[in-house]
Every structure is written in structure tokens, then in C-alpha cells.
C-alpha atoms as a PDB file:
ATOM      1  CA  MET A   1       7.762  32.832   0.948  1.00  0.00           C
ATOM      2  CA  GLY A   2       6.788  30.542   3.969  1.00  0.00           C
ATOM      3  CA  ASN A   3       4.456  27.993   4.429  1.00  0.00           C
ATOM      4  CA  ASP A   4       1.136  29.590   4.672  1.00  0.00           C
ATOM      5  CA  ALA A   5      -1.187  26.635   4.558  1.00  0.00           C
ATOM      6  CA  LEU A   6      -2.579  27.022   7.609  1.00  0.00           C
ATOM      7  CA  ASN A   7      -3.304  30.541   7.108  1.00  0.00           C
ATOM      8  CA  ILE A   8      -5.125  29.846   4.052  1.00  0.00           C
ATOM      9  CA  ASN A   9      -6.821  26.855   5.140  1.00  0.00           C
ATOM     10  CA  PRO A  10      -7.019  27.164   9.120  1.00  0.00           C
ATOM     11  CA  PRO A  11      -7.351  24.170  11.368  1.00  0.00           C
ATOM     12  CA  ASN A  12     -10.762  23.057  12.210  1.00  0.00           C
ATOM     13  CA  ALA A  13     -10.196  21.333  15.763  1.00  0.00           C
ATOM     14  CA  THR A  14      -9.084  21.710  18.926  1.00  0.00           C
ATOM     15  CA  TYR A  15      -6.043  19.553  18.456  1.00  0.00           C
ATOM     16  CA  HIS A  16      -4.951  20.446  15.069  1.00  0.00           C
ATOM     17  CA  LEU A  17      -2.049  20.084  12.799  1.00  0.00           C
ATOM     18  CA  SER A  18       0.939  22.932  13.559  1.00  0.00           C
ATOM     19  CA  ARG A  19       2.883  24.594  10.844  1.00  0.00           C
ATOM     20  CA  GLY A  20       6.226  22.449  11.815  1.00  0.00           C
ATOM     21  CA  GLY A  21       3.757  19.224  10.848  1.00  0.00           C
ATOM     22  CA  SER A  22       2.405  20.725   7.672  1.00  0.00           C
ATOM     23  CA  ASP A  23       6.135  21.501   6.735  1.00  0.00           C
ATOM     24  CA  TRP A  24       6.719  17.645   7.152  1.00  0.00           C
ATOM     25  CA  LEU A  25       4.006  17.016   4.986  1.00  0.00           C
ATOM     26  CA  TRP A  26       5.350  18.762   2.155  1.00  0.00           C
ATOM     27  CA  ALA A  27       8.661  17.243   2.696  1.00  0.00           C
ATOM     28  CA  ALA A  28       7.150  13.876   2.305  1.00  0.00           C
ATOM     29  CA  PHE A  29       5.018  14.952  -0.775  1.00  0.00           C
ATOM     30  CA  SER A  30       8.119  16.008  -2.418  1.00  0.00           C
ATOM     31  CA  LEU A  31       9.676  12.367  -1.530  1.00  0.00           C
ATOM     32  CA  PHE A  32       6.281  10.900  -2.939  1.00  0.00           C
ATOM     33  CA  GLY A  33       6.548  12.748  -6.062  1.00  0.00           C
ATOM     34  CA  VAL A  34      10.143  12.371  -7.101  1.00  0.00           C
ATOM     35  CA  SER A  35       9.568   8.569  -6.586  1.00  0.00           C
ATOM     36  CA  LEU A  36       6.268   8.452  -8.598  1.00  0.00           C
ATOM     37  CA  LEU A  37       8.597  10.433 -11.514  1.00  0.00           C
ATOM     38  CA  THR A  38      11.241   7.920 -11.241  1.00  0.00           C
ATOM     39  CA  VAL A  39       9.238   5.180 -11.259  1.00  0.00           C
ATOM     40  CA  VAL A  40       7.279   6.643 -14.404  1.00  0.00           C
ATOM     41  CA  ALA A  41      10.714   6.804 -16.162  1.00  0.00           C
ATOM     42  CA  TRP A  42      11.519   3.346 -15.114  1.00  0.00           C
ATOM     43  CA  THR A  43       8.783   1.724 -16.292  1.00  0.00           C
ATOM     44  CA  PHE A  44       9.433   3.164 -20.032  1.00  0.00           C
ATOM     45  CA  THR A  45      12.420   1.343 -19.991  1.00  0.00           C
ATOM     46  CA  ARG A  46      10.745  -1.878 -19.705  1.00  0.00           C
ATOM     47  CA  PRO A  47       9.399  -3.960 -22.489  1.00  0.00           C
ATOM     48  CA  ARG A  48       5.424  -3.581 -23.176  1.00  0.00           C
ATOM     49  CA  GLY A  49       3.738  -6.687 -21.550  1.00  0.00           C
ATOM     50  CA  THR A  50       6.696  -6.234 -18.475  1.00  0.00           C
ATOM     51  CA  ARG A  51       5.501  -3.214 -16.823  1.00  0.00           C
ATOM     52  CA  LEU A  52       2.540  -4.659 -14.267  1.00  0.00           C
ATOM     53  CA  PHE A  53       4.180  -4.479 -11.241  1.00  0.00           C
ATOM     54  CA  HIS A  54       5.798  -0.964 -12.300  1.00  0.00           C
ATOM     55  CA  GLN A  55       2.412   0.436 -13.053  1.00  0.00           C
ATOM     56  CA  ILE A  56       0.865  -0.847  -9.870  1.00  0.00           C
ATOM     57  CA  ALA A  57       3.674   1.364  -8.365  1.00  0.00           C
ATOM     58  CA  ILE A  58       2.683   3.958 -10.149  1.00  0.00           C
ATOM     59  CA  VAL A  59      -0.772   4.146  -8.829  1.00  0.00           C
ATOM     60  CA  VAL A  60       0.034   3.646  -5.254  1.00  0.00           C
ATOM     61  CA  LEU A  61       2.831   6.611  -5.688  1.00  0.00           C
ATOM     62  CA  THR A  62       0.202   8.777  -7.391  1.00  0.00           C
ATOM     63  CA  THR A  63      -2.222   8.314  -4.642  1.00  0.00           C
ATOM     64  CA  GLY A  64       0.100   8.876  -1.792  1.00  0.00           C
ATOM     65  CA  SER A  65       1.285  12.039  -3.489  1.00  0.00           C
ATOM     66  CA  LEU A  66      -2.499  13.552  -3.777  1.00  0.00           C
ATOM     67  CA  ALA A  67      -3.085  12.512   0.007  1.00  0.00           C
ATOM     68  CA  TYR A  68      -0.019  14.203   1.109  1.00  0.00           C
ATOM     69  CA  PHE A  69      -0.450  17.206  -0.874  1.00  0.00           C
ATOM     70  CA  SER A  70      -4.060  17.467   0.723  1.00  0.00           C
ATOM     71  CA  MET A  71      -2.778  17.107   4.127  1.00  0.00           C
ATOM     72  CA  ALA A  72       0.267  19.601   3.875  1.00  0.00           C
ATOM     73  CA  SER A  73      -2.358  21.947   2.628  1.00  0.00           C
ATOM     74  CA  ASP A  74      -4.482  21.094   5.852  1.00  0.00           C
ATOM     75  CA  LEU A  75      -7.419  19.670   3.649  1.00  0.00           C
ATOM     76  CA  GLY A  76      -8.938  16.438   4.129  1.00  0.00           C
ATOM     77  CA  ALA A  77      -9.719  16.089   7.897  1.00  0.00           C
ATOM     78  CA  THR A  78     -12.828  16.272  10.187  1.00  0.00           C
ATOM     79  CA  PRO A  79     -13.189  17.444  13.754  1.00  0.00           C
ATOM     80  CA  VAL A  80     -14.244  14.490  16.063  1.00  0.00           C
ATOM     81  CA  ARG A  81     -14.794  14.646  19.832  1.00  0.00           C
ATOM     82  CA  VAL A  82     -11.840  13.113  21.949  1.00  0.00           C
ATOM     83  CA  GLU A  83     -12.327   9.970  24.191  1.00  0.00           C
ATOM     84  CA  PHE A  84      -9.228  10.504  26.657  1.00  0.00           C
ATOM     85  CA  ARG A  85      -6.766  12.837  27.753  1.00  0.00           C
ATOM     86  CA  GLY A  86      -8.655  16.408  27.626  1.00  0.00           C
ATOM     87  CA  ASP A  87     -11.733  17.829  26.159  1.00  0.00           C
ATOM     88  CA  GLY A  88     -12.597  19.132  22.657  1.00  0.00           C
ATOM     89  CA  THR A  89     -11.902  17.721  19.149  1.00  0.00           C
ATOM     90  CA  ARG A  90      -9.168  16.260  17.242  1.00  0.00           C
ATOM     91  CA  GLN A  91      -8.598  16.308  13.556  1.00  0.00           C
ATOM     92  CA  ILE A  92      -9.354  12.881  12.039  1.00  0.00           C
ATOM     93  CA  TRP A  93      -7.725  12.794   8.293  1.00  0.00           C
ATOM     94  CA  PHE A  94     -10.250  10.896   6.069  1.00  0.00           C
ATOM     95  CA  VAL A  95      -7.981  11.735   3.223  1.00  0.00           C
ATOM     96  CA  ARG A  96      -5.240   9.725   4.736  1.00  0.00           C
ATOM     97  CA  TYR A  97      -7.768   6.697   5.094  1.00  0.00           C
ATOM     98  CA  ILE A  98      -9.024   7.176   1.177  1.00  0.00           C
ATOM     99  CA  GLN A  99      -5.099   6.669   0.241  1.00  0.00           C
ATOM    100  CA  TRP A 100      -4.799   3.784   2.221  1.00  0.00           C
ATOM    101  CA  PHE A 101      -8.131   2.494   0.942  1.00  0.00           C
ATOM    102  CA  ILE A 102      -6.185   2.424  -2.656  1.00  0.00           C
ATOM    103  CA  THR A 103      -2.713   1.983  -1.889  1.00  0.00           C
ATOM    104  CA  PHE A 104      -2.812  -0.988   0.887  1.00  0.00           C
ATOM    105  CA  PRO A 105      -4.421  -3.385  -1.197  1.00  0.00           C
ATOM    106  CA  LEU A 106      -2.323  -2.563  -4.398  1.00  0.00           C
ATOM    107  CA  LEU A 107       0.812  -3.340  -2.201  1.00  0.00           C
ATOM    108  CA  LEU A 108      -0.601  -6.676  -1.079  1.00  0.00           C
ATOM    109  CA  LEU A 109      -1.353  -7.706  -4.667  1.00  0.00           C
ATOM    110  CA  GLU A 110       2.090  -6.369  -5.726  1.00  0.00           C
ATOM    111  CA  LEU A 111       3.671  -8.928  -3.494  1.00  0.00           C
ATOM    112  CA  LEU A 112       1.014 -11.782  -3.582  1.00  0.00           C
ATOM    113  CA  LEU A 113       1.386 -11.935  -7.431  1.00  0.00           C
ATOM    114  CA  ALA A 114       4.859 -13.248  -7.326  1.00  0.00           C
ATOM    115  CA  THR A 115       3.542 -16.379  -5.173  1.00  0.00           C
ATOM    116  CA  GLY A 116       1.737 -19.399  -6.340  1.00  0.00           C
ATOM    117  CA  LEU A 117      -1.378 -18.355  -4.676  1.00  0.00           C
ATOM    118  CA  SER A 118      -4.721 -18.776  -5.821  1.00  0.00           C
ATOM    119  CA  LEU A 119      -6.701 -15.800  -7.257  1.00  0.00           C
ATOM    120  CA  SER A 120      -9.660 -16.412  -4.438  1.00  0.00           C
ATOM    121  CA  ASP A 121      -7.022 -16.745  -1.955  1.00  0.00           C
ATOM    122  CA  ILE A 122      -5.605 -13.312  -3.390  1.00  0.00           C
ATOM    123  CA  PHE A 123      -8.688 -11.723  -3.383  1.00  0.00           C
ATOM    124  CA  THR A 124      -9.557 -12.739  -0.230  1.00  0.00           C
ATOM    125  CA  THR A 125      -6.498 -11.096   1.250  1.00  0.00           C
ATOM    126  CA  LEU A 126      -7.100  -7.783  -0.731  1.00  0.00           C
ATOM    127  CA  PHE A 127     -10.732  -7.950   0.867  1.00  0.00           C
ATOM    128  CA  MET A 128      -9.352  -8.268   4.465  1.00  0.00           C
ATOM    129  CA  GLY A 129      -7.126  -5.136   3.594  1.00  0.00           C
ATOM    130  CA  VAL A 130      -9.798  -3.171   3.022  1.00  0.00           C
ATOM    131  CA  VAL A 131     -11.779  -4.316   6.125  1.00  0.00           C
ATOM    132  CA  LEU A 132      -8.554  -3.160   8.049  1.00  0.00           C
ATOM    133  CA  VAL A 133      -8.586   0.433   6.392  1.00  0.00           C
ATOM    134  CA  ILE A 134     -12.468   0.776   6.540  1.00  0.00           C
ATOM    135  CA  THR A 135     -12.493  -0.301  10.509  1.00  0.00           C
ATOM    136  CA  GLY A 136      -9.746   1.894  10.965  1.00  0.00           C
ATOM    137  CA  LEU A 137     -11.625   4.791   9.541  1.00  0.00           C
ATOM    138  CA  VAL A 138     -14.709   3.875  11.295  1.00  0.00           C
ATOM    139  CA  ALA A 139     -13.068   3.644  14.682  1.00  0.00           C
ATOM    140  CA  ALA A 140     -11.470   6.873  14.333  1.00  0.00           C
ATOM    141  CA  LEU A 141     -15.196   8.845  13.370  1.00  0.00           C
ATOM    142  CA  VAL A 142     -16.472   7.205  16.544  1.00  0.00           C
ATOM    143  CA  PRO A 143     -16.152   9.416  19.702  1.00  0.00           C
ATOM    144  CA  SER A 144     -17.269   6.593  22.169  1.00  0.00           C
ATOM    145  CA  THR A 145     -15.615   3.822  23.209  1.00  0.00           C
ATOM    146  CA  TYR A 146     -17.128   1.864  20.706  1.00  0.00           C
ATOM    147  CA  LYS A 147     -14.611   2.723  18.405  1.00  0.00           C
ATOM    148  CA  TRP A 148     -12.557  -0.265  20.023  1.00  0.00           C
ATOM    149  CA  GLY A 149     -14.834  -2.941  18.585  1.00  0.00           C
ATOM    150  CA  TYR A 150     -13.881  -1.465  15.185  1.00  0.00           C
ATOM    151  CA  TYR A 151     -10.263  -1.446  16.376  1.00  0.00           C
ATOM    152  CA  THR A 152     -10.648  -5.139  17.248  1.00  0.00           C
ATOM    153  CA  PHE A 153     -12.174  -6.273  13.795  1.00  0.00           C
ATOM    154  CA  GLY A 154      -9.499  -4.305  12.166  1.00  0.00           C
ATOM    155  CA  VAL A 155      -6.722  -6.125  14.324  1.00  0.00           C
ATOM    156  CA  ALA A 156      -8.372  -9.454  13.434  1.00  0.00           C
ATOM    157  CA  ALA A 157      -8.274  -8.652   9.723  1.00  0.00           C
ATOM    158  CA  LEU A 158      -4.526  -8.092  10.202  1.00  0.00           C
ATOM    159  CA  PHE A 159      -3.909 -11.517  11.625  1.00  0.00           C
ATOM    160  CA  TYR A 160      -5.276 -12.940   8.520  1.00  0.00           C
ATOM    161  CA  ILE A 161      -3.289 -10.888   6.041  1.00  0.00           C
ATOM    162  CA  TRP A 162      -0.141 -11.640   8.345  1.00  0.00           C
ATOM    163  CA  TYR A 163      -1.178 -15.411   8.162  1.00  0.00           C
ATOM    164  CA  VAL A 164      -1.272 -15.255   4.342  1.00  0.00           C
ATOM    165  CA  LEU A 165       2.100 -13.081   3.750  1.00  0.00           C
ATOM    166  CA  LEU A 166       4.292 -15.088   6.118  1.00  0.00           C
ATOM    167  CA  TRP A 167       2.801 -18.523   6.344  1.00  0.00           C
ATOM    168  CA  HIS A 168       0.347 -19.434   3.302  1.00  0.00           C
ATOM    169  CA  GLY A 169       2.229 -17.334   0.521  1.00  0.00           C
ATOM    170  CA  PRO A 170       5.889 -18.685   1.345  1.00  0.00           C
ATOM    171  CA  HIS A 171       4.436 -22.135   1.180  1.00  0.00           C
ATOM    172  CA  THR A 172       3.340 -22.037  -2.177  1.00  0.00           C
ATOM    173  CA  THR A 173       5.265 -22.910  -5.622  1.00  0.00           C
ATOM    174  CA  PHE A 174       7.082 -19.604  -6.847  1.00  0.00           C
ATOM    175  CA  ALA A 175       6.680 -19.600 -10.572  1.00  0.00           C
ATOM    176  CA  ALA A 176       9.656 -17.533 -11.043  1.00  0.00           C
ATOM    177  CA  GLY A 177      12.036 -19.652  -9.358  1.00  0.00           C
ATOM    178  CA  GLY A 178      13.941 -19.351  -5.870  1.00  0.00           C
ATOM    179  CA  ALA A 179      15.691 -16.060  -6.595  1.00  0.00           C
ATOM    180  CA  LEU A 180      12.374 -14.170  -6.475  1.00  0.00           C
ATOM    181  CA  ARG A 181      11.184 -16.473  -3.554  1.00  0.00           C
ATOM    182  CA  SER A 182      14.061 -14.891  -1.383  1.00  0.00           C
ATOM    183  CA  GLY A 183      13.254 -11.516  -2.456  1.00  0.00           C
ATOM    184  CA  TYR A 184       9.274 -12.400  -1.542  1.00  0.00           C
ATOM    185  CA  LEU A 185      10.298 -13.335   1.788  1.00  0.00           C
ATOM    186  CA  MET A 186      12.254 -10.379   2.783  1.00  0.00           C
ATOM    187  CA  ALA A 187       9.801  -7.978   0.966  1.00  0.00           C
ATOM    188  CA  ALA A 188       6.772  -9.788   3.061  1.00  0.00           C
ATOM    189  CA  GLY A 189       8.697  -9.763   6.251  1.00  0.00           C
ATOM    190  CA  TYR A 190       9.760  -6.293   5.835  1.00  0.00           C
ATOM    191  CA  LEU A 191       5.991  -5.131   5.145  1.00  0.00           C
ATOM    192  CA  SER A 192       4.494  -7.100   7.992  1.00  0.00           C
ATOM    193  CA  PHE A 193       6.618  -5.300  10.392  1.00  0.00           C
ATOM    194  CA  LEU A 194       5.410  -2.133   9.329  1.00  0.00           C
ATOM    195  CA  LEU A 195       2.100  -3.306   9.582  1.00  0.00           C
ATOM    196  CA  LEU A 196       2.574  -4.016  13.058  1.00  0.00           C
ATOM    197  CA  LEU A 197       3.407  -0.129  13.633  1.00  0.00           C
ATOM    198  CA  TYR A 198       0.273   1.037  12.101  1.00  0.00           C
ATOM    199  CA  PRO A 199      -2.044   0.012  15.021  1.00  0.00           C
ATOM    200  CA  ILE A 200       0.237   1.220  17.659  1.00  0.00           C
ATOM    201  CA  ALA A 201       0.272   4.479  15.995  1.00  0.00           C
ATOM    202  CA  TRP A 202      -3.546   4.339  15.431  1.00  0.00           C
ATOM    203  CA  ALA A 203      -4.029   3.767  19.270  1.00  0.00           C
ATOM    204  CA  CYS A 204      -1.833   6.556  20.305  1.00  0.00           C
ATOM    205  CA  ALA A 205      -3.325   9.178  17.839  1.00  0.00           C
ATOM    206  CA  GLU A 206      -6.734   8.813  16.722  1.00  0.00           C
ATOM    207  CA  GLY A 207      -7.721   6.173  19.724  1.00  0.00           C
ATOM    208  CA  GLY A 208      -6.200   7.576  22.593  1.00  0.00           C
ATOM    209  CA  ASN A 209      -5.513  11.111  21.798  1.00  0.00           C
ATOM    210  CA  VAL A 210      -1.620  10.210  23.438  1.00  0.00           C
ATOM    211  CA  ILE A 211       0.276  12.165  20.832  1.00  0.00           C
ATOM    212  CA  THR A 212      -0.429  15.434  19.193  1.00  0.00           C
ATOM    213  CA  VAL A 213      -1.489  15.739  15.330  1.00  0.00           C
ATOM    214  CA  THR A 214       1.729  16.978  14.414  1.00  0.00           C
ATOM    215  CA  SER A 215       3.599  13.426  15.704  1.00  0.00           C
ATOM    216  CA  GLU A 216       1.021  11.528  14.283  1.00  0.00           C
ATOM    217  CA  MET A 217       1.811  13.075  11.030  1.00  0.00           C
ATOM    218  CA  ILE A 218       5.635  12.581  11.417  1.00  0.00           C
ATOM    219  CA  TRP A 219       4.762   8.565  12.519  1.00  0.00           C
ATOM    220  CA  TYR A 220       2.306   7.709   9.772  1.00  0.00           C
ATOM    221  CA  GLY A 221       4.541   9.779   7.335  1.00  0.00           C
ATOM    222  CA  ILE A 222       7.643   7.594   8.024  1.00  0.00           C
ATOM    223  CA  LEU A 223       5.544   4.585   7.745  1.00  0.00           C
ATOM    224  CA  ASP A 224       4.003   5.740   4.811  1.00  0.00           C
ATOM    225  CA  ILE A 225       7.585   6.336   3.123  1.00  0.00           C
ATOM    226  CA  LEU A 226       8.836   2.651   4.073  1.00  0.00           C
ATOM    227  CA  ALA A 227       5.685   1.353   2.711  1.00  0.00           C
ATOM    228  CA  GLY A 228       5.635   3.139  -0.232  1.00  0.00           C
ATOM    229  CA  PRO A 229       8.751   4.434  -2.017  1.00  0.00           C
ATOM    230  CA  VAL A 230      10.870   2.206  -0.079  1.00  0.00           C
ATOM    231  CA  PHE A 231       9.208  -0.759  -0.304  1.00  0.00           C
ATOM    232  CA  LEU A 232       8.272  -0.595  -4.022  1.00  0.00           C
ATOM    233  CA  PHE A 233      11.818   0.209  -5.071  1.00  0.00           C
ATOM    234  CA  PHE A 234      13.229  -2.574  -3.260  1.00  0.00           C
ATOM    235  CA  PHE A 235      10.682  -5.181  -4.670  1.00  0.00           C
ATOM    236  CA  LEU A 236      10.772  -3.734  -8.398  1.00  0.00           C
ATOM    237  CA  TRP A 237      14.770  -4.146  -8.016  1.00  0.00           C
ATOM    238  CA  GLU A 238      14.177  -7.526  -7.029  1.00  0.00           C
ATOM    239  CA  LEU A 239      11.966  -8.164 -10.085  1.00  0.00           C
ATOM    240  CA  ARG A 240      14.356  -6.590 -12.769  1.00  0.00           C
ATOM    241  CA  GLY A 241      15.889 -10.010 -14.187  1.00  0.00           C
ATOM    242  CA  VAL A 242      12.845 -11.921 -13.436  1.00  0.00           C
ATOM    243  CA  ASP A 243      10.884 -13.542 -16.888  1.00  0.00           C
ATOM    244  CA  TYR A 244       7.378 -12.048 -16.610  1.00  0.00           C
ATOM    245  CA  ALA A 245       6.103 -14.942 -18.788  1.00  0.00           C
ATOM    246  CA  ALA A 246       6.688 -17.384 -15.648  1.00  0.00           C
ATOM    247  CA  PHE A 247       3.974 -15.439 -14.008  1.00  0.00           C
ATOM    248  CA  GLY A 248       1.250 -16.553 -16.179  1.00  0.00           C
ATOM    249  CA  LEU A 249      -0.151 -12.831 -16.790  1.00  0.00           C
ATOM    250  CA  HIS A 250       0.255 -12.765 -20.400  1.00  0.00           C
ATOM    251  CA  SER A 251      -3.077 -11.188 -21.604  1.00  0.00           C
ATOM    252  CA  GLY A 252      -2.804 -12.292 -25.592  1.00  0.00           C
ATOM    253  CA  LYS A 253      -3.112  -8.490 -26.534  1.00  0.00           C
ATOM    254  CA  TYR A 254      -1.164  -7.240 -29.348  1.00  0.00           C
ATOM    255  CA  THR A 255       1.029  -5.287 -26.865  1.00  0.00           C
ATOM    256  CA  ASP A 256       1.996  -7.928 -25.240  1.00  0.00           C
ATOM    257  CA  LYS A 257       3.372 -10.188 -28.244  1.00  0.00           C
ATOM    258  CA  GLY A 258       6.682  -8.594 -28.107  1.00  0.00           C
ATOM    259  CA  ALA A 259       7.570  -9.246 -24.620  1.00  0.00           C
ATOM    260  CA  TYR A 260       6.921 -12.680 -24.772  1.00  0.00           C
ATOM    261  CA  ALA A 261       8.219 -13.450 -28.331  1.00  0.00           C
ATOM    262  CA  HIS A 262      11.254 -15.001 -27.029  1.00  0.00           C
ATOM    263  CA  ASN A 263       9.394 -17.470 -25.356  1.00  0.00           C
ATOM    264  CA  THR A 264       6.818 -18.814 -27.855  1.00  0.00           C
ATOM    265  CA  THR A 265       7.871 -21.798 -29.882  1.00  0.00           C
ATOM    266  CA  THR A 266       6.028 -23.331 -32.683  1.00  0.00           C
ATOM    267  CA  GLN A 267       3.646 -26.165 -31.912  1.00  0.00           C
ATOM    268  CA  PRO A 268       2.162 -28.817 -34.265  1.00  0.00           C
ATOM    269  CA  VAL A 269      -1.197 -28.536 -34.943  1.00  0.00           C
ATOM    270  CA  GLY A 270      -3.667 -29.769 -32.020  1.00  0.00           C
ATOM    271  CA  ALA A 271      -0.600 -30.021 -29.611  1.00  0.00           C
ATOM    272  CA  VAL A 272      -1.736 -29.124 -25.817  1.00  0.00           C
ATOM    273  CA  PRO A 273      -0.458 -25.834 -24.664  1.00  0.00           C
ATOM    274  CA  ALA A 274       1.806 -26.100 -21.629  1.00  0.00           C
ATOM    275  CA  ALA A 275       0.260 -25.591 -18.381  1.00  0.00           C
ATOM    276  CA  THR A 276       0.541 -22.008 -16.863  1.00  0.00           C
ATOM    277  CA  THR A 277       2.081 -21.413 -13.464  1.00  0.00           C
ATOM    278  CA  GLY A 278       1.503 -18.699 -11.160  1.00  0.00           C
ATOM    279  CA  ALA A 279      -1.434 -17.054  -9.795  1.00  0.00           C
ATOM    280  CA  ALA A 280      -3.323 -16.461 -13.171  1.00  0.00           C
ATOM    281  CA  SER A 281      -3.339 -20.275 -13.336  1.00  0.00           C
ATOM    282  CA  ASN A 282      -5.350 -20.974 -10.260  1.00  0.00           C
ATOM    283  CA  VAL A 283      -8.980 -20.232  -9.086  1.00  0.00           C
END
């Protein structure tokens, strides 16, 4: 039985997804799904209290799987009149922006929790990630030239994110030591490079109508796979030998006690506890 998605859910725009594009999206969905199951299994091999980064990855991969299932089924798009290169309407995939609205701040959080950035700096960076996604969606839905104004706001937010990832973050004290610092620098550089390619893809697809919807799906799909499963597996692998107690993320709940028992020592009554390092210690 072949891919019948476009027959069951007919395209709703002049420039629309092709059957080949739907096939590619099903392949991407399968990759996200297999990656999700792998991370879920990996999470259960970790002691309780040391699963935060893995659970963030589960949320990212679950959201990506749902988004790619929707797009492969030719669902989650709305027609918008094109500004350049022809007449008619083009499918704008709002379900992709819903995916990014959830996953992009979480990818930033995954990275920035490893640094010594204060919680206020992390919050502001996550907010700029939300601004980047929302301005991209609004710009894609605007049929007039005013879309490029929103595009400019998004690029400005991206410059702030680059500043934090590549300059501010690396100049903080890494609670888990130099090994994690080197891993962070590689991961931050890798993600920052991918973030450069997203606005270019947007300008060629939703913005300028230069490439077809199927080409758009292939371009974004490759970027999402590299920024999702590939990035997460690399970063989680770098964390495999890191002492989670160094992050200062201990909640004090019963489920965390076992994970931190090996770092707990008896202190005299009235003794002042050691200062916590990492993001959780700063506001």
C-alpha cells in the first residue's frame, strides 16, 4: 500500500506538498520516533535525579514526532497568498512553528543549564527563542511586504541568542568542570551554525517563494534532524560521566535522594552548607 496521504487530505493551496515530499516527511517522522524510543530506554538506565537532560530530550523528540506525523499527512497547513514569483497561494505549515515554539527554547535550556549563567539570563535567552519562532510564524502568515519587518525582529532576537551561546555562556564558570565546557563549546557552535541556516531557508521558502514546498520540507527536515536527534544524542553522550550534583539542580525530594547519596556527608549541627554552583544558584 502506497502513501495515500494527499488523496485523503488534499492540498489546500496552489503551491503545495508533493507525494515525494510526503514520503520524505514520513521518513523523518520515523527517525524522530526511533530516536524518541531510544532516549526513553536510555533514560531508564539513569538513576533517579539524573534524568533531567534526558527528559528534556524526550519532550523535544515527542513534539517533533507529532509535528512530522502531521506534515507527512498533509495536515497543519494554511494557504497564504504569495508575494513573489507567481500568483496564488502557498501552504504555510503552522504546525511546524508550534513544534519550534516548544522545542527551540528547550534545546536552548538543555545547553544553558550546563553553564554558569544566572536564571535571569537563561530566562531572557529562552524568551528571545520564543520571539524568533513567533515572528517567523507571523511573517509567514502576512501576505504583504510587511512580513520582512517581522523577519528583521526575528533576526535581531537570533543575534542575542548567538551572543549568549557563543560569548556570554562560555565566559561563565562551568560547575561540572572543563570536560563539560569543551562539550558545550562544540554543541553551542554546532547549534549556532544550524540557526544561521533556518532564516536562509525561511527567506527562500515562506518569504520569497523561491523554492517549492517539497524542497522546503527537505531543507527544514534536514535541519530539524540535525538540531533534534543528532544534537541531543551528542549532548547527552557528553553528559554521560558528569556528576549531576555539580549543576545544583537537586530538588530535595525523595526521588532525588538516592542519586545524591554518594555526595552527602554528615555536617555538625549549625554548620553552614556549602554554596551551590551552577545556574540554580544564581538569579
